[in-house]
């Protein structure tokens, strides 16, 4: 016999939500939920490397097994949606996405049919790449693209002692160990890797973009929990001195990784040429 209702008791104690429930057929269950951390500091300990050491290190890594993410500072992994204190995925899909679809359909050359999974995902990714907070987190197949995003917003000729951070995510191992969900809001925690089709999104291909989708505020805590369960290291971080920006950006320009190539638009080209002609 399946339960259709339950009596639930909720108590907040020591920053934890204690849940006790009994269904009408006598089935009892309990759970304790931790309050998400308010700290922006990462739980992942990083290894310090010079730019030259980083290039040597990644030359030994299989490009098919890992994903990379560059950040200006060692912030913890968190989607822009969750950083703004949003948690209800159902509200995001029923309200935010509906409003955005209504407005953007007048601008995009393609009409996104949100009932088709591929187009729905492509629309979410378009929102992400244009600055709207979503429960998506951007990664790249390329460690050098990740490095570009890590160094990009650092000041020219920075001489301080801070570091940029590049995350290395063991994508293949993660997908083997953790169930991947093609759904924003299943009734359990998840972090799923997705590759969306590039509809009206010319940035996707040059950035070699991959996305993780999650309903979790604290992604790192979930990954660390899975590492403890499986004994597999899924996530690493590398610190590179931010004062190596000019050396790194010069190398990246020689590789064809510039604002103009990463953001194929008027804005991207202007950013690239501004740095070349003015920001010295």
C-alpha atoms as a PDB file:
ATOM      1  CA  UNK A   1       0.000   0.000   0.000  1.00  0.00           C
ATOM      2  CA  UNK A   2       1.320   3.431  -0.962  1.00  0.00           C
ATOM      3  CA  UNK A   3       1.072   6.438   1.335  1.00  0.00           C
ATOM      4  CA  UNK A   4      -0.772   9.505   0.117  1.00  0.00           C
ATOM      5  CA  UNK A   5      -0.141  11.749   3.124  1.00  0.00           C
ATOM      6  CA  UNK A   6       2.013  12.025   6.217  1.00  0.00           C
ATOM      7  CA  UNK A   7       2.263  13.968   9.453  1.00  0.00           C
ATOM      8  CA  UNK A   8       5.561  15.865   9.424  1.00  0.00           C
ATOM      9  CA  UNK A   9       7.393  17.518  12.296  1.00  0.00           C
ATOM     10  CA  UNK A  10      10.153  20.042  11.462  1.00  0.00           C
ATOM     11  CA  UNK A  11      12.613  21.375  14.034  1.00  0.00           C
ATOM     12  CA  UNK A  12      15.635  23.625  13.452  1.00  0.00           C
ATOM     13  CA  UNK A  13      18.394  22.819  15.923  1.00  0.00           C
ATOM     14  CA  UNK A  14      22.084  23.800  15.808  1.00  0.00           C
ATOM     15  CA  UNK A  15      21.795  24.992  12.192  1.00  0.00           C
ATOM     16  CA  UNK A  16      20.290  21.680  11.115  1.00  0.00           C
ATOM     17  CA  UNK A  17      16.762  20.879   9.996  1.00  0.00           C
ATOM     18  CA  UNK A  18      15.450  17.743  11.746  1.00  0.00           C
ATOM     19  CA  UNK A  19      12.575  16.050   9.933  1.00  0.00           C
ATOM     20  CA  UNK A  20      10.366  13.332  11.461  1.00  0.00           C
ATOM     21  CA  UNK A  21       7.347  11.994   9.622  1.00  0.00           C
ATOM     22  CA  UNK A  22       4.773   9.223   9.872  1.00  0.00           C
ATOM     23  CA  UNK A  23       2.497   8.287   6.978  1.00  0.00           C
ATOM     24  CA  UNK A  24      -1.156   7.332   7.373  1.00  0.00           C
ATOM     25  CA  UNK A  25      -0.180   3.661   6.942  1.00  0.00           C
ATOM     26  CA  UNK A  26       2.334   3.835   9.787  1.00  0.00           C
ATOM     27  CA  UNK A  27       5.564   4.184   7.808  1.00  0.00           C
ATOM     28  CA  UNK A  28       7.992   6.411   9.728  1.00  0.00           C
ATOM     29  CA  UNK A  29      11.100   8.142   8.475  1.00  0.00           C
ATOM     30  CA  UNK A  30      13.514  10.784   9.676  1.00  0.00           C
ATOM     31  CA  UNK A  31      16.222  12.979   8.174  1.00  0.00           C
ATOM     32  CA  UNK A  32      18.654  15.691   9.207  1.00  0.00           C
ATOM     33  CA  UNK A  33      19.600  18.419   6.712  1.00  0.00           C
ATOM     34  CA  UNK A  34      22.597  20.698   7.188  1.00  0.00           C
ATOM     35  CA  UNK A  35      22.233  24.397   6.544  1.00  0.00           C
ATOM     36  CA  UNK A  36      24.290  25.392   3.471  1.00  0.00           C
ATOM     37  CA  UNK A  37      27.533  27.129   4.319  1.00  0.00           C
ATOM     38  CA  UNK A  38      27.568  30.897   3.888  1.00  0.00           C
ATOM     39  CA  UNK A  39      31.313  30.917   3.342  1.00  0.00           C
ATOM     40  CA  UNK A  40      32.546  31.710  -0.162  1.00  0.00           C
ATOM     41  CA  UNK A  41      35.888  30.030   0.514  1.00  0.00           C
ATOM     42  CA  UNK A  42      36.562  26.763  -1.277  1.00  0.00           C
ATOM     43  CA  UNK A  43      36.871  23.494   0.634  1.00  0.00           C
ATOM     44  CA  UNK A  44      39.229  22.103  -2.014  1.00  0.00           C
ATOM     45  CA  UNK A  45      42.904  22.456  -1.159  1.00  0.00           C
ATOM     46  CA  UNK A  46      44.926  23.652  -4.125  1.00  0.00           C
ATOM     47  CA  UNK A  47      48.446  22.948  -5.352  1.00  0.00           C
ATOM     48  CA  UNK A  48      50.624  25.981  -6.128  1.00  0.00           C
ATOM     49  CA  UNK A  49      52.282  25.938  -9.539  1.00  0.00           C
ATOM     50  CA  UNK A  50      53.941  28.482 -11.783  1.00  0.00           C
ATOM     51  CA  UNK A  51      52.440  29.021 -15.235  1.00  0.00           C
ATOM     52  CA  UNK A  52      55.270  26.934 -16.738  1.00  0.00           C
ATOM     53  CA  UNK A  53      54.672  24.136 -14.228  1.00  0.00           C
ATOM     54  CA  UNK A  54      50.950  24.211 -14.966  1.00  0.00           C
ATOM     55  CA  UNK A  55      51.566  23.777 -18.694  1.00  0.00           C
ATOM     56  CA  UNK A  56      53.873  20.864 -17.988  1.00  0.00           C
ATOM     57  CA  UNK A  57      51.361  19.300 -15.581  1.00  0.00           C
ATOM     58  CA  UNK A  58      48.405  19.377 -17.939  1.00  0.00           C
ATOM     59  CA  UNK A  59      50.473  17.955 -20.796  1.00  0.00           C
ATOM     60  CA  UNK A  60      50.332  14.659 -18.877  1.00  0.00           C
ATOM     61  CA  UNK A  61      46.537  14.702 -18.423  1.00  0.00           C
ATOM     62  CA  UNK A  62      44.152  12.911 -20.761  1.00  0.00           C
ATOM     63  CA  UNK A  63      42.064  15.589 -22.461  1.00  0.00           C
ATOM     64  CA  UNK A  64      39.143  13.182 -22.728  1.00  0.00           C
ATOM     65  CA  UNK A  65      38.868  12.402 -19.015  1.00  0.00           C
ATOM     66  CA  UNK A  66      38.846  15.829 -17.401  1.00  0.00           C
ATOM     67  CA  UNK A  67      37.016  19.141 -17.408  1.00  0.00           C
ATOM     68  CA  UNK A  68      38.521  22.473 -16.392  1.00  0.00           C
ATOM     69  CA  UNK A  69      37.191  25.660 -14.826  1.00  0.00           C
ATOM     70  CA  UNK A  70      39.132  28.884 -14.297  1.00  0.00           C
ATOM     71  CA  UNK A  71      38.309  31.399 -11.571  1.00  0.00           C
ATOM     72  CA  UNK A  72      39.846  34.755 -10.740  1.00  0.00           C
ATOM     73  CA  UNK A  73      39.921  33.844  -7.027  1.00  0.00           C
ATOM     74  CA  UNK A  74      39.586  30.615  -4.993  1.00  0.00           C
ATOM     75  CA  UNK A  75      35.837  30.893  -4.546  1.00  0.00           C
ATOM     76  CA  UNK A  76      34.006  27.655  -3.835  1.00  0.00           C
ATOM     77  CA  UNK A  77      32.042  26.060  -6.640  1.00  0.00           C
ATOM     78  CA  UNK A  78      28.509  27.441  -6.614  1.00  0.00           C
ATOM     79  CA  UNK A  79      26.071  28.276  -9.401  1.00  0.00           C
ATOM     80  CA  UNK A  80      25.028  31.890  -9.958  1.00  0.00           C
ATOM     81  CA  UNK A  81      21.454  30.820  -9.125  1.00  0.00           C
ATOM     82  CA  UNK A  82      22.377  29.491  -5.686  1.00  0.00           C
ATOM     83  CA  UNK A  83      24.805  32.337  -4.925  1.00  0.00           C
ATOM     84  CA  UNK A  84      21.834  34.674  -5.029  1.00  0.00           C
ATOM     85  CA  UNK A  85      19.945  32.702  -2.399  1.00  0.00           C
ATOM     86  CA  UNK A  86      17.565  30.937  -4.776  1.00  0.00           C
ATOM     87  CA  UNK A  87      16.721  27.260  -4.208  1.00  0.00           C
ATOM     88  CA  UNK A  88      13.314  26.495  -5.745  1.00  0.00           C
ATOM     89  CA  UNK A  89      13.950  24.993  -9.169  1.00  0.00           C
ATOM     90  CA  UNK A  90      10.220  24.743  -9.860  1.00  0.00           C
ATOM     91  CA  UNK A  91       9.895  28.516  -9.539  1.00  0.00           C
ATOM     92  CA  UNK A  92      12.893  29.043 -11.820  1.00  0.00           C
ATOM     93  CA  UNK A  93      11.442  26.870 -14.592  1.00  0.00           C
ATOM     94  CA  UNK A  94       7.834  28.044 -14.258  1.00  0.00           C
ATOM     95  CA  UNK A  95       8.494  31.762 -13.737  1.00  0.00           C
ATOM     96  CA  UNK A  96      11.987  32.889 -14.761  1.00  0.00           C
ATOM     97  CA  UNK A  97      12.318  30.716 -17.846  1.00  0.00           C
ATOM     98  CA  UNK A  98       8.798  31.532 -18.993  1.00  0.00           C
ATOM     99  CA  UNK A  99       9.458  35.287 -18.744  1.00  0.00           C
ATOM    100  CA  UNK A 100      12.813  35.012 -20.507  1.00  0.00           C
ATOM    101  CA  UNK A 101      11.426  32.826 -23.278  1.00  0.00           C
ATOM    102  CA  UNK A 102       8.626  35.301 -23.879  1.00  0.00           C
ATOM    103  CA  UNK A 103      11.006  38.262 -24.152  1.00  0.00           C
ATOM    104  CA  UNK A 104      13.918  36.623 -25.943  1.00  0.00           C
ATOM    105  CA  UNK A 105      11.785  35.006 -28.639  1.00  0.00           C
ATOM    106  CA  UNK A 106      11.577  38.450 -30.236  1.00  0.00           C
ATOM    107  CA  UNK A 107      15.379  38.642 -30.417  1.00  0.00           C
ATOM    108  CA  UNK A 108      16.734  35.152 -31.107  1.00  0.00           C
ATOM    109  CA  UNK A 109      16.795  33.945 -34.692  1.00  0.00           C
ATOM    110  CA  UNK A 110      15.627  30.527 -33.529  1.00  0.00           C
ATOM    111  CA  UNK A 111      12.365  29.900 -31.684  1.00  0.00           C
ATOM    112  CA  UNK A 112      13.217  27.561 -28.816  1.00  0.00           C
ATOM    113  CA  UNK A 113      10.670  24.804 -28.292  1.00  0.00           C
ATOM    114  CA  UNK A 114      11.090  24.204 -24.567  1.00  0.00           C
ATOM    115  CA  UNK A 115       9.159  20.915 -24.728  1.00  0.00           C
ATOM    116  CA  UNK A 116      12.084  19.413 -26.686  1.00  0.00           C
ATOM    117  CA  UNK A 117      14.864  18.447 -24.215  1.00  0.00           C
ATOM    118  CA  UNK A 118      17.767  19.464 -26.494  1.00  0.00           C
ATOM    119  CA  UNK A 119      16.248  22.880 -27.183  1.00  0.00           C
ATOM    120  CA  UNK A 120      15.267  23.371 -23.555  1.00  0.00           C
ATOM    121  CA  UNK A 121      18.853  22.710 -22.454  1.00  0.00           C
ATOM    122  CA  UNK A 122      20.238  24.956 -25.191  1.00  0.00           C
ATOM    123  CA  UNK A 123      17.955  27.777 -24.022  1.00  0.00           C
ATOM    124  CA  UNK A 124      19.124  27.421 -20.408  1.00  0.00           C
ATOM    125  CA  UNK A 125      22.734  27.476 -21.602  1.00  0.00           C
ATOM    126  CA  UNK A 126      22.057  30.604 -23.669  1.00  0.00           C
ATOM    127  CA  UNK A 127      20.758  32.333 -20.529  1.00  0.00           C
ATOM    128  CA  UNK A 128      23.851  31.225 -18.615  1.00  0.00           C
ATOM    129  CA  UNK A 129      26.264  32.530 -21.243  1.00  0.00           C
ATOM    130  CA  UNK A 130      24.541  35.903 -21.288  1.00  0.00           C
ATOM    131  CA  UNK A 131      24.667  36.507 -17.560  1.00  0.00           C
ATOM    132  CA  UNK A 132      21.301  35.342 -16.234  1.00  0.00           C
ATOM    133  CA  UNK A 133      21.640  33.383 -12.943  1.00  0.00           C
ATOM    134  CA  UNK A 134      20.986  29.693 -13.586  1.00  0.00           C
ATOM    135  CA  UNK A 135      21.629  26.385 -11.764  1.00  0.00           C
ATOM    136  CA  UNK A 136      24.325  25.643 -14.358  1.00  0.00           C
ATOM    137  CA  UNK A 137      28.094  25.845 -13.858  1.00  0.00           C
ATOM    138  CA  UNK A 138      30.413  26.334 -16.839  1.00  0.00           C
ATOM    139  CA  UNK A 139      33.425  24.115 -17.580  1.00  0.00           C
ATOM    140  CA  UNK A 140      35.658  23.573 -20.599  1.00  0.00           C
ATOM    141  CA  UNK A 141      37.354  20.627 -22.226  1.00  0.00           C
ATOM    142  CA  UNK A 142      40.402  22.913 -22.568  1.00  0.00           C
ATOM    143  CA  UNK A 143      42.672  23.786 -19.614  1.00  0.00           C
ATOM    144  CA  UNK A 144      43.873  26.787 -21.609  1.00  0.00           C
ATOM    145  CA  UNK A 145      40.365  28.162 -22.053  1.00  0.00           C
ATOM    146  CA  UNK A 146      39.949  27.746 -18.287  1.00  0.00           C
ATOM    147  CA  UNK A 147      43.217  29.641 -17.774  1.00  0.00           C
ATOM    148  CA  UNK A 148      41.965  32.487 -19.976  1.00  0.00           C
ATOM    149  CA  UNK A 149      38.893  32.935 -17.777  1.00  0.00           C
ATOM    150  CA  UNK A 150      41.030  32.727 -14.623  1.00  0.00           C
ATOM    151  CA  UNK A 151      43.405  35.496 -15.740  1.00  0.00           C
ATOM    152  CA  UNK A 152      41.057  37.584 -17.895  1.00  0.00           C
ATOM    153  CA  UNK A 153      39.721  40.011 -15.267  1.00  0.00           C
ATOM    154  CA  UNK A 154      42.955  40.361 -13.335  1.00  0.00           C
ATOM    155  CA  UNK A 155      44.524  43.844 -13.637  1.00  0.00           C
ATOM    156  CA  UNK A 156      47.210  44.375 -16.253  1.00  0.00           C
ATOM    157  CA  UNK A 157      50.713  44.194 -14.712  1.00  0.00           C
ATOM    158  CA  UNK A 158      49.328  42.963 -11.390  1.00  0.00           C
ATOM    159  CA  UNK A 159      52.239  42.694  -8.938  1.00  0.00           C
ATOM    160  CA  UNK A 160      50.528  41.342  -5.817  1.00  0.00           C
ATOM    161  CA  UNK A 161      50.741  37.926  -4.187  1.00  0.00           C
ATOM    162  CA  UNK A 162      47.255  36.571  -4.909  1.00  0.00           C
ATOM    163  CA  UNK A 163      46.539  33.483  -7.009  1.00  0.00           C
ATOM    164  CA  UNK A 164      44.077  32.496  -9.706  1.00  0.00           C
ATOM    165  CA  UNK A 165      42.545  29.051  -9.477  1.00  0.00           C
ATOM    166  CA  UNK A 166      41.933  26.327 -12.044  1.00  0.00           C
ATOM    167  CA  UNK A 167      39.739  23.372 -11.106  1.00  0.00           C
ATOM    168  CA  UNK A 168      40.351  19.947 -12.636  1.00  0.00           C
ATOM    169  CA  UNK A 169      37.256  17.732 -12.562  1.00  0.00           C
ATOM    170  CA  UNK A 170      37.548  14.011 -13.279  1.00  0.00           C
ATOM    171  CA  UNK A 171      34.563  13.915 -15.573  1.00  0.00           C
ATOM    172  CA  UNK A 172      34.681  10.276 -16.690  1.00  0.00           C
ATOM    173  CA  UNK A 173      35.149   8.945 -13.161  1.00  0.00           C
ATOM    174  CA  UNK A 174      32.310  11.127 -11.892  1.00  0.00           C
ATOM    175  CA  UNK A 175      29.854   9.928 -14.514  1.00  0.00           C
ATOM    176  CA  UNK A 176      30.711   6.302 -13.693  1.00  0.00           C
ATOM    177  CA  UNK A 177      30.194   6.782  -9.948  1.00  0.00           C
ATOM    178  CA  UNK A 178      27.283   9.233  -9.729  1.00  0.00           C
ATOM    179  CA  UNK A 179      23.935   8.901 -11.477  1.00  0.00           C
ATOM    180  CA  UNK A 180      23.547  11.544 -14.180  1.00  0.00           C
ATOM    181  CA  UNK A 181      20.122  13.181 -14.372  1.00  0.00           C
ATOM    182  CA  UNK A 182      18.663  14.978 -17.392  1.00  0.00           C
ATOM    183  CA  UNK A 183      16.442  16.994 -15.087  1.00  0.00           C
ATOM    184  CA  UNK A 184      16.931  20.206 -13.127  1.00  0.00           C
ATOM    185  CA  UNK A 185      15.081  19.115 -10.007  1.00  0.00           C
ATOM    186  CA  UNK A 186      14.951  15.412  -9.129  1.00  0.00           C
ATOM    187  CA  UNK A 187      13.924  14.619  -5.516  1.00  0.00           C
ATOM    188  CA  UNK A 188      17.521  13.912  -4.471  1.00  0.00           C
ATOM    189  CA  UNK A 189      20.925  15.663  -4.703  1.00  0.00           C
ATOM    190  CA  UNK A 190      22.706  15.506  -8.037  1.00  0.00           C
ATOM    191  CA  UNK A 191      25.524  17.009 -10.072  1.00  0.00           C
ATOM    192  CA  UNK A 192      25.156  16.043 -13.713  1.00  0.00           C
ATOM    193  CA  UNK A 193      27.407  16.761 -16.684  1.00  0.00           C
ATOM    194  CA  UNK A 194      25.659  17.944 -19.853  1.00  0.00           C
ATOM    195  CA  UNK A 195      26.765  19.095 -23.290  1.00  0.00           C
ATOM    196  CA  UNK A 196      24.182  21.292 -24.974  1.00  0.00           C
ATOM    197  CA  UNK A 197      23.730  21.983 -28.664  1.00  0.00           C
ATOM    198  CA  UNK A 198      24.840  25.452 -29.791  1.00  0.00           C
ATOM    199  CA  UNK A 199      21.598  27.079 -30.913  1.00  0.00           C
ATOM    200  CA  UNK A 200      22.021  30.865 -31.229  1.00  0.00           C
ATOM    201  CA  UNK A 201      25.064  30.537 -28.984  1.00  0.00           C
ATOM    202  CA  UNK A 202      28.302  31.061 -30.963  1.00  0.00           C
ATOM    203  CA  UNK A 203      30.363  31.129 -27.751  1.00  0.00           C
ATOM    204  CA  UNK A 204      29.753  27.472 -27.002  1.00  0.00           C
ATOM    205  CA  UNK A 205      32.109  25.979 -29.621  1.00  0.00           C
ATOM    206  CA  UNK A 206      35.249  28.157 -29.219  1.00  0.00           C
ATOM    207  CA  UNK A 207      34.992  27.878 -25.428  1.00  0.00           C
ATOM    208  CA  UNK A 208      34.775  24.060 -25.779  1.00  0.00           C
ATOM    209  CA  UNK A 209      32.026  24.441 -23.219  1.00  0.00           C
ATOM    210  CA  UNK A 210      30.559  21.742 -21.008  1.00  0.00           C
ATOM    211  CA  UNK A 211      28.044  22.346 -18.236  1.00  0.00           C
ATOM    212  CA  UNK A 212      27.246  20.798 -14.902  1.00  0.00           C
ATOM    213  CA  UNK A 213      23.654  21.073 -13.719  1.00  0.00           C
ATOM    214  CA  UNK A 214      22.793  20.789 -10.040  1.00  0.00           C
ATOM    215  CA  UNK A 215      20.137  21.359  -7.391  1.00  0.00           C
ATOM    216  CA  UNK A 216      22.862  21.798  -4.748  1.00  0.00           C
ATOM    217  CA  UNK A 217      23.989  24.984  -3.059  1.00  0.00           C
ATOM    218  CA  UNK A 218      27.227  23.390  -1.821  1.00  0.00           C
ATOM    219  CA  UNK A 219      28.638  21.458  -4.767  1.00  0.00           C
ATOM    220  CA  UNK A 220      32.012  20.885  -3.141  1.00  0.00           C
ATOM    221  CA  UNK A 221      30.535  19.271  -0.025  1.00  0.00           C
ATOM    222  CA  UNK A 222      28.661  16.806  -2.242  1.00  0.00           C
ATOM    223  CA  UNK A 223      31.788  15.960  -4.244  1.00  0.00           C
ATOM    224  CA  UNK A 224      33.873  15.512  -1.077  1.00  0.00           C
ATOM    225  CA  UNK A 225      31.183  13.223   0.329  1.00  0.00           C
ATOM    226  CA  UNK A 226      31.340  11.078  -2.820  1.00  0.00           C
ATOM    227  CA  UNK A 227      35.145  11.021  -2.632  1.00  0.00           C
ATOM    228  CA  UNK A 228      34.935   9.710   0.941  1.00  0.00           C
ATOM    229  CA  UNK A 229      32.441   7.026  -0.121  1.00  0.00           C
ATOM    230  CA  UNK A 230      34.333   5.811  -3.187  1.00  0.00           C
ATOM    231  CA  UNK A 231      37.986   6.577  -2.459  1.00  0.00           C
ATOM    232  CA  UNK A 232      38.198   8.326  -5.851  1.00  0.00           C
ATOM    233  CA  UNK A 233      39.499  11.884  -6.181  1.00  0.00           C
ATOM    234  CA  UNK A 234      37.078  13.724  -8.456  1.00  0.00           C
ATOM    235  CA  UNK A 235      38.125  17.343  -7.980  1.00  0.00           C
ATOM    236  CA  UNK A 236      41.498  19.057  -7.721  1.00  0.00           C
ATOM    237  CA  UNK A 237      42.557  22.689  -7.800  1.00  0.00           C
ATOM    238  CA  UNK A 238      45.700  24.439  -8.953  1.00  0.00           C
ATOM    239  CA  UNK A 239      46.828  27.886  -7.811  1.00  0.00           C
ATOM    240  CA  UNK A 240      48.840  29.994 -10.255  1.00  0.00           C
ATOM    241  CA  UNK A 241      50.341  33.344  -9.195  1.00  0.00           C
ATOM    242  CA  UNK A 242      48.135  36.116 -10.558  1.00  0.00           C
ATOM    243  CA  UNK A 243      51.241  38.194 -11.272  1.00  0.00           C
ATOM    244  CA  UNK A 244      52.008  35.802 -14.147  1.00  0.00           C
ATOM    245  CA  UNK A 245      49.012  37.176 -16.025  1.00  0.00           C
ATOM    246  CA  UNK A 246      50.977  38.810 -18.856  1.00  0.00           C
ATOM    247  CA  UNK A 247      53.071  35.707 -19.536  1.00  0.00           C
ATOM    248  CA  UNK A 248      49.980  33.493 -19.527  1.00  0.00           C
ATOM    249  CA  UNK A 249      47.850  35.812 -21.667  1.00  0.00           C
ATOM    250  CA  UNK A 250      50.670  36.145 -24.202  1.00  0.00           C
ATOM    251  CA  UNK A 251      50.895  32.366 -24.516  1.00  0.00           C
ATOM    252  CA  UNK A 252      47.112  32.142 -24.830  1.00  0.00           C
ATOM    253  CA  UNK A 253      47.108  34.771 -27.605  1.00  0.00           C
ATOM    254  CA  UNK A 254      49.623  32.646 -29.536  1.00  0.00           C
ATOM    255  CA  UNK A 255      47.193  29.731 -29.123  1.00  0.00           C
ATOM    256  CA  UNK A 256      44.349  31.832 -30.533  1.00  0.00           C
ATOM    257  CA  UNK A 257      42.583  32.106 -27.179  1.00  0.00           C
ATOM    258  CA  UNK A 258      41.542  35.752 -26.878  1.00  0.00           C
ATOM    259  CA  UNK A 259      38.408  37.696 -25.981  1.00  0.00           C
ATOM    260  CA  UNK A 260      37.690  38.005 -29.698  1.00  0.00           C
ATOM    261  CA  UNK A 261      37.752  34.229 -30.205  1.00  0.00           C
ATOM    262  CA  UNK A 262      36.010  33.336 -26.929  1.00  0.00           C
ATOM    263  CA  UNK A 263      33.237  35.920 -27.444  1.00  0.00           C
ATOM    264  CA  UNK A 264      32.670  36.139 -31.221  1.00  0.00           C
ATOM    265  CA  UNK A 265      30.882  39.488 -31.161  1.00  0.00           C
ATOM    266  CA  UNK A 266      31.608  43.207 -31.353  1.00  0.00           C
ATOM    267  CA  UNK A 267      32.173  43.261 -27.580  1.00  0.00           C
ATOM    268  CA  UNK A 268      34.695  40.415 -27.722  1.00  0.00           C
ATOM    269  CA  UNK A 269      36.726  41.929 -30.543  1.00  0.00           C
ATOM    270  CA  UNK A 270      36.764  45.345 -28.836  1.00  0.00           C
ATOM    271  CA  UNK A 271      37.929  43.778 -25.565  1.00  0.00           C
ATOM    272  CA  UNK A 272      40.742  41.938 -27.337  1.00  0.00           C
ATOM    273  CA  UNK A 273      41.967  45.007 -29.226  1.00  0.00           C
ATOM    274  CA  UNK A 274      41.584  47.265 -26.182  1.00  0.00           C
ATOM    275  CA  UNK A 275      44.008  45.080 -24.271  1.00  0.00           C
ATOM    276  CA  UNK A 276      46.389  44.954 -27.213  1.00  0.00           C
ATOM    277  CA  UNK A 277      46.373  48.688 -28.001  1.00  0.00           C
ATOM    278  CA  UNK A 278      45.682  50.447 -24.699  1.00  0.00           C
ATOM    279  CA  UNK A 279      46.068  48.237 -21.615  1.00  0.00           C
ATOM    280  CA  UNK A 280      49.840  47.966 -21.401  1.00  0.00           C
END
